[in-house]
Amino acid sequence: MANKNWLDLLVAASGPIAAAVAVFIAWWQAHIQHQQLKVSLYQKRLEVYLHLRKFLSDVTIRHTIDFEKCMQLMRDTKEAEFLFDQGIDAFITLAYRNATELRTLEEVSKVMHREKISELERWFVDAGPREAAQRFSTYLQLYKSPFQLRSRQGHTWKQEWFTKQ
């Protein structure tokens, strides 16, 4: 008789249990899709950042700027206006304008515009890469911290795997 009660209880609970499992699976799939979206967006943003960094380093290393490289930067980073806010797109445009201005000044006369050329060269060596890293850093983070876990109550646990205590 006791086995029949357990069996009846199990049959009665099977519907709600199946519904709860289905809800959990749906929630988990939504969570995974959200994470995949974040990774996909990260990859696209990283690609734009790497094209900009390559351009900045090419200008710094080669000390020559050709118009084709400037146009290649604009082609490689054309998605920036859709992936970032206006500040990033404006910064890419600033890098393009500084490069074309530097190229123009070098072609006109290095002697007459020596101070402005030096200022632009310093921008490509120092301020440009530093500002690019600073501006892009908020967009190139998948997680707030590499080992940060959050509970449902909002408490934070950090697992410090590589530090000595």
C-alpha atoms as a PDB file:
ATOM      1  CA  MET A   1       0.000   0.000   0.000  1.00  0.00           C
ATOM      2  CA  ALA A   2       2.856   2.363   0.846  1.00  0.00           C
ATOM      3  CA  ASN A   3       4.445   1.689  -2.549  1.00  0.00           C
ATOM      4  CA  LYS A   4       1.206   2.690  -4.290  1.00  0.00           C
ATOM      5  CA  ASN A   5       1.143   6.046  -2.419  1.00  0.00           C
ATOM      6  CA  TRP A   6       4.720   6.766  -3.475  1.00  0.00           C
ATOM      7  CA  LEU A   7       3.923   5.779  -7.027  1.00  0.00           C
ATOM      8  CA  ASP A   8       0.838   8.031  -7.083  1.00  0.00           C
ATOM      9  CA  LEU A   9       2.865  10.902  -5.639  1.00  0.00           C
ATOM     10  CA  LEU A  10       5.621  10.372  -8.217  1.00  0.00           C
ATOM     11  CA  VAL A  11       3.102  10.302 -11.081  1.00  0.00           C
ATOM     12  CA  ALA A  12       1.418  13.460  -9.778  1.00  0.00           C
ATOM     13  CA  ALA A  13       4.739  15.296  -9.395  1.00  0.00           C
ATOM     14  CA  SER A  14       6.147  14.245 -12.768  1.00  0.00           C
ATOM     15  CA  GLY A  15       4.321  17.040 -14.653  1.00  0.00           C
ATOM     16  CA  PRO A  16       5.613  19.908 -12.490  1.00  0.00           C
ATOM     17  CA  ILE A  17       9.094  18.363 -12.370  1.00  0.00           C
ATOM     18  CA  ALA A  18       9.175  18.081 -16.169  1.00  0.00           C
ATOM     19  CA  ALA A  19       7.992  21.704 -16.453  1.00  0.00           C
ATOM     20  CA  ALA A  20      10.678  22.891 -14.023  1.00  0.00           C
ATOM     21  CA  VAL A  21      13.367  21.015 -15.969  1.00  0.00           C
ATOM     22  CA  ALA A  22      12.106  22.514 -19.240  1.00  0.00           C
ATOM     23  CA  VAL A  23      12.189  26.022 -17.755  1.00  0.00           C
ATOM     24  CA  PHE A  24      15.732  25.476 -16.468  1.00  0.00           C
ATOM     25  CA  ILE A  25      16.906  24.193 -19.865  1.00  0.00           C
ATOM     26  CA  ALA A  26      15.333  27.182 -21.619  1.00  0.00           C
ATOM     27  CA  TRP A  27      16.990  29.583 -19.162  1.00  0.00           C
ATOM     28  CA  TRP A  28      20.354  27.856 -19.618  1.00  0.00           C
ATOM     29  CA  GLN A  29      20.107  28.025 -23.413  1.00  0.00           C
ATOM     30  CA  ALA A  30      19.292  31.739 -23.229  1.00  0.00           C
ATOM     31  CA  HIS A  31      22.289  32.255 -20.954  1.00  0.00           C
ATOM     32  CA  ILE A  32      24.591  30.380 -23.356  1.00  0.00           C
ATOM     33  CA  GLN A  33      23.281  32.371 -26.336  1.00  0.00           C
ATOM     34  CA  HIS A  34      23.899  35.612 -24.450  1.00  0.00           C
ATOM     35  CA  GLN A  35      27.490  34.541 -23.743  1.00  0.00           C
ATOM     36  CA  GLN A  36      27.989  33.584 -27.412  1.00  0.00           C
ATOM     37  CA  LEU A  37      26.728  37.016 -28.426  1.00  0.00           C
ATOM     38  CA  LYS A  38      29.217  38.658 -26.066  1.00  0.00           C
ATOM     39  CA  VAL A  39      32.074  36.574 -27.512  1.00  0.00           C
ATOM     40  CA  SER A  40      31.044  37.383 -31.078  1.00  0.00           C
ATOM     41  CA  LEU A  41      30.858  41.098 -30.306  1.00  0.00           C
ATOM     42  CA  TYR A  42      34.233  40.908 -28.548  1.00  0.00           C
ATOM     43  CA  GLN A  43      35.829  39.294 -31.612  1.00  0.00           C
ATOM     44  CA  LYS A  44      34.504  41.996 -33.936  1.00  0.00           C
ATOM     45  CA  ARG A  45      35.623  44.776 -31.596  1.00  0.00           C
ATOM     46  CA  LEU A  46      39.050  43.208 -31.142  1.00  0.00           C
ATOM     47  CA  GLU A  47      39.490  43.060 -34.908  1.00  0.00           C
ATOM     48  CA  VAL A  48      38.844  46.816 -35.210  1.00  0.00           C
ATOM     49  CA  TYR A  49      41.244  47.524 -32.331  1.00  0.00           C
ATOM     50  CA  LEU A  50      44.006  45.381 -33.851  1.00  0.00           C
ATOM     51  CA  HIS A  51      43.670  47.126 -37.232  1.00  0.00           C
ATOM     52  CA  LEU A  52      43.994  50.496 -35.506  1.00  0.00           C
ATOM     53  CA  ARG A  53      47.009  49.359 -33.452  1.00  0.00           C
ATOM     54  CA  LYS A  54      48.689  47.967 -36.592  1.00  0.00           C
ATOM     55  CA  PHE A  55      48.165  51.282 -38.347  1.00  0.00           C
ATOM     56  CA  LEU A  56      49.584  53.255 -35.408  1.00  0.00           C
ATOM     57  CA  SER A  57      52.618  50.991 -35.184  1.00  0.00           C
ATOM     58  CA  ASP A  58      53.198  51.098 -38.960  1.00  0.00           C
ATOM     59  CA  VAL A  59      53.292  54.892 -38.857  1.00  0.00           C
ATOM     60  CA  THR A  60      55.649  54.809 -35.863  1.00  0.00           C
ATOM     61  CA  ILE A  61      58.025  52.156 -37.209  1.00  0.00           C
ATOM     62  CA  ARG A  62      58.215  53.122 -40.883  1.00  0.00           C
ATOM     63  CA  HIS A  63      58.059  56.918 -40.446  1.00  0.00           C
ATOM     64  CA  THR A  64      56.389  57.028 -43.835  1.00  0.00           C
ATOM     65  CA  ILE A  65      52.704  57.240 -44.513  1.00  0.00           C
ATOM     66  CA  ASP A  66      51.177  56.393 -47.807  1.00  0.00           C
ATOM     67  CA  PHE A  67      47.640  57.259 -48.741  1.00  0.00           C
ATOM     68  CA  GLU A  68      46.786  53.604 -49.365  1.00  0.00           C
ATOM     69  CA  LYS A  69      47.545  52.717 -45.716  1.00  0.00           C
ATOM     70  CA  CYS A  70      45.245  55.514 -44.561  1.00  0.00           C
ATOM     71  CA  MET A  71      42.449  54.288 -46.794  1.00  0.00           C
ATOM     72  CA  GLN A  72      43.067  50.708 -45.638  1.00  0.00           C
ATOM     73  CA  LEU A  73      42.567  51.854 -42.028  1.00  0.00           C
ATOM     74  CA  MET A  74      39.201  53.358 -42.916  1.00  0.00           C
ATOM     75  CA  ARG A  75      38.154  50.194 -44.784  1.00  0.00           C
ATOM     76  CA  ASP A  76      39.290  47.881 -41.977  1.00  0.00           C
ATOM     77  CA  THR A  77      37.514  49.876 -39.269  1.00  0.00           C
ATOM     78  CA  LYS A  78      34.307  50.813 -41.085  1.00  0.00           C
ATOM     79  CA  GLU A  79      32.226  48.688 -38.665  1.00  0.00           C
ATOM     80  CA  ALA A  80      33.394  50.764 -35.690  1.00  0.00           C
ATOM     81  CA  GLU A  81      30.414  53.101 -35.848  1.00  0.00           C
ATOM     82  CA  PHE A  82      28.098  50.118 -35.259  1.00  0.00           C
ATOM     83  CA  LEU A  83      30.217  48.329 -32.649  1.00  0.00           C
ATOM     84  CA  PHE A  84      31.235  51.270 -30.447  1.00  0.00           C
ATOM     85  CA  ASP A  85      30.009  54.665 -29.376  1.00  0.00           C
ATOM     86  CA  GLN A  86      30.877  57.819 -31.315  1.00  0.00           C
ATOM     87  CA  GLY A  87      34.047  58.368 -29.279  1.00  0.00           C
ATOM     88  CA  ILE A  88      35.813  55.359 -30.767  1.00  0.00           C
ATOM     89  CA  ASP A  89      34.797  56.244 -34.311  1.00  0.00           C
ATOM     90  CA  ALA A  90      35.976  59.816 -33.704  1.00  0.00           C
ATOM     91  CA  PHE A  91      39.306  58.524 -32.393  1.00  0.00           C
ATOM     92  CA  ILE A  92      39.832  56.396 -35.510  1.00  0.00           C
ATOM     93  CA  THR A  93      39.037  59.438 -37.626  1.00  0.00           C
ATOM     94  CA  LEU A  94      41.537  61.448 -35.553  1.00  0.00           C
ATOM     95  CA  ALA A  95      44.240  58.856 -36.252  1.00  0.00           C
ATOM     96  CA  TYR A  96      43.409  59.020 -39.965  1.00  0.00           C
ATOM     97  CA  ARG A  97      43.498  62.843 -39.983  1.00  0.00           C
ATOM     98  CA  ASN A  98      46.751  63.003 -38.037  1.00  0.00           C
ATOM     99  CA  ALA A  99      48.346  60.541 -40.464  1.00  0.00           C
ATOM    100  CA  THR A 100      47.212  62.435 -43.550  1.00  0.00           C
ATOM    101  CA  GLU A 101      48.287  65.746 -41.989  1.00  0.00           C
ATOM    102  CA  LEU A 102      51.698  64.307 -41.140  1.00  0.00           C
ATOM    103  CA  ARG A 103      52.057  62.968 -44.681  1.00  0.00           C
ATOM    104  CA  THR A 104      51.087  66.333 -46.177  1.00  0.00           C
ATOM    105  CA  LEU A 105      53.483  68.285 -43.940  1.00  0.00           C
ATOM    106  CA  GLU A 106      56.346  65.916 -44.752  1.00  0.00           C
ATOM    107  CA  GLU A 107      55.712  66.309 -48.462  1.00  0.00           C
ATOM    108  CA  VAL A 108      55.450  70.100 -48.334  1.00  0.00           C
ATOM    109  CA  SER A 109      58.505  70.920 -46.269  1.00  0.00           C
ATOM    110  CA  LYS A 110      60.043  69.163 -43.312  1.00  0.00           C
ATOM    111  CA  VAL A 111      62.022  72.264 -42.362  1.00  0.00           C
ATOM    112  CA  MET A 112      59.101  74.704 -42.259  1.00  0.00           C
ATOM    113  CA  HIS A 113      56.795  72.430 -40.270  1.00  0.00           C
ATOM    114  CA  ARG A 114      59.335  70.650 -38.080  1.00  0.00           C
ATOM    115  CA  GLU A 115      57.547  71.452 -34.806  1.00  0.00           C
ATOM    116  CA  LYS A 116      54.134  70.260 -36.011  1.00  0.00           C
ATOM    117  CA  ILE A 117      55.697  67.123 -37.547  1.00  0.00           C
ATOM    118  CA  SER A 118      57.399  66.350 -34.229  1.00  0.00           C
ATOM    119  CA  GLU A 119      54.113  66.851 -32.398  1.00  0.00           C
ATOM    120  CA  LEU A 120      52.282  64.457 -34.736  1.00  0.00           C
ATOM    121  CA  GLU A 121      55.080  61.881 -34.557  1.00  0.00           C
ATOM    122  CA  ARG A 122      54.933  62.011 -30.738  1.00  0.00           C
ATOM    123  CA  TRP A 123      51.172  61.445 -30.939  1.00  0.00           C
ATOM    124  CA  PHE A 124      51.697  58.254 -32.976  1.00  0.00           C
ATOM    125  CA  VAL A 125      54.435  57.022 -30.637  1.00  0.00           C
ATOM    126  CA  ASP A 126      52.924  57.878 -27.265  1.00  0.00           C
ATOM    127  CA  ALA A 127      49.467  59.405 -27.023  1.00  0.00           C
ATOM    128  CA  GLY A 128      47.816  57.507 -29.874  1.00  0.00           C
ATOM    129  CA  PRO A 129      48.487  53.940 -28.672  1.00  0.00           C
ATOM    130  CA  ARG A 130      47.870  54.863 -25.028  1.00  0.00           C
ATOM    131  CA  GLU A 131      44.581  56.574 -25.782  1.00  0.00           C
ATOM    132  CA  ALA A 132      43.513  53.699 -28.062  1.00  0.00           C
ATOM    133  CA  ALA A 133      44.139  51.176 -25.289  1.00  0.00           C
ATOM    134  CA  GLN A 134      42.277  53.342 -22.787  1.00  0.00           C
ATOM    135  CA  ARG A 135      39.260  53.949 -25.025  1.00  0.00           C
ATOM    136  CA  PHE A 136      38.972  50.349 -26.205  1.00  0.00           C
ATOM    137  CA  SER A 137      39.544  48.737 -22.809  1.00  0.00           C
ATOM    138  CA  THR A 138      35.918  49.065 -21.698  1.00  0.00           C
ATOM    139  CA  TYR A 139      34.743  47.360 -24.887  1.00  0.00           C
ATOM    140  CA  LEU A 140      37.282  44.538 -24.830  1.00  0.00           C
ATOM    141  CA  GLN A 141      36.311  42.904 -21.544  1.00  0.00           C
ATOM    142  CA  LEU A 142      34.180  39.786 -21.580  1.00  0.00           C
ATOM    143  CA  TYR A 143      33.928  39.613 -17.806  1.00  0.00           C
ATOM    144  CA  LYS A 144      34.471  42.110 -15.007  1.00  0.00           C
ATOM    145  CA  SER A 145      37.212  39.961 -13.486  1.00  0.00           C
ATOM    146  CA  PRO A 146      38.699  36.685 -14.742  1.00  0.00           C
ATOM    147  CA  PHE A 147      37.758  34.653 -11.653  1.00  0.00           C
ATOM    148  CA  GLN A 148      34.730  36.527 -10.377  1.00  0.00           C
ATOM    149  CA  LEU A 149      31.593  34.591  -9.480  1.00  0.00           C
ATOM    150  CA  ARG A 150      28.341  36.103  -8.243  1.00  0.00           C
ATOM    151  CA  SER A 151      25.713  34.477  -6.094  1.00  0.00           C
ATOM    152  CA  ARG A 152      22.010  35.158  -6.457  1.00  0.00           C
ATOM    153  CA  GLN A 153      22.118  37.548  -3.502  1.00  0.00           C
ATOM    154  CA  GLY A 154      24.799  39.635  -5.201  1.00  0.00           C
ATOM    155  CA  HIS A 155      27.667  38.559  -2.957  1.00  0.00           C
ATOM    156  CA  THR A 156      30.982  38.304  -4.745  1.00  0.00           C
ATOM    157  CA  TRP A 157      33.591  35.616  -4.334  1.00  0.00           C
ATOM    158  CA  LYS A 158      36.980  36.018  -5.944  1.00  0.00           C
ATOM    159  CA  GLN A 159      39.156  33.027  -6.464  1.00  0.00           C
ATOM    160  CA  GLU A 160      42.741  34.185  -6.461  1.00  0.00           C
ATOM    161  CA  TRP A 161      44.455  31.197  -8.020  1.00  0.00           C
ATOM    162  CA  PHE A 162      47.811  32.688  -8.835  1.00  0.00           C
ATOM    163  CA  THR A 163      48.560  34.838  -5.810  1.00  0.00           C
ATOM    164  CA  LYS A 164      50.465  33.784  -2.729  1.00  0.00           C
ATOM    165  CA  GLN A 165      48.833  34.444   0.585  1.00  0.00           C
END
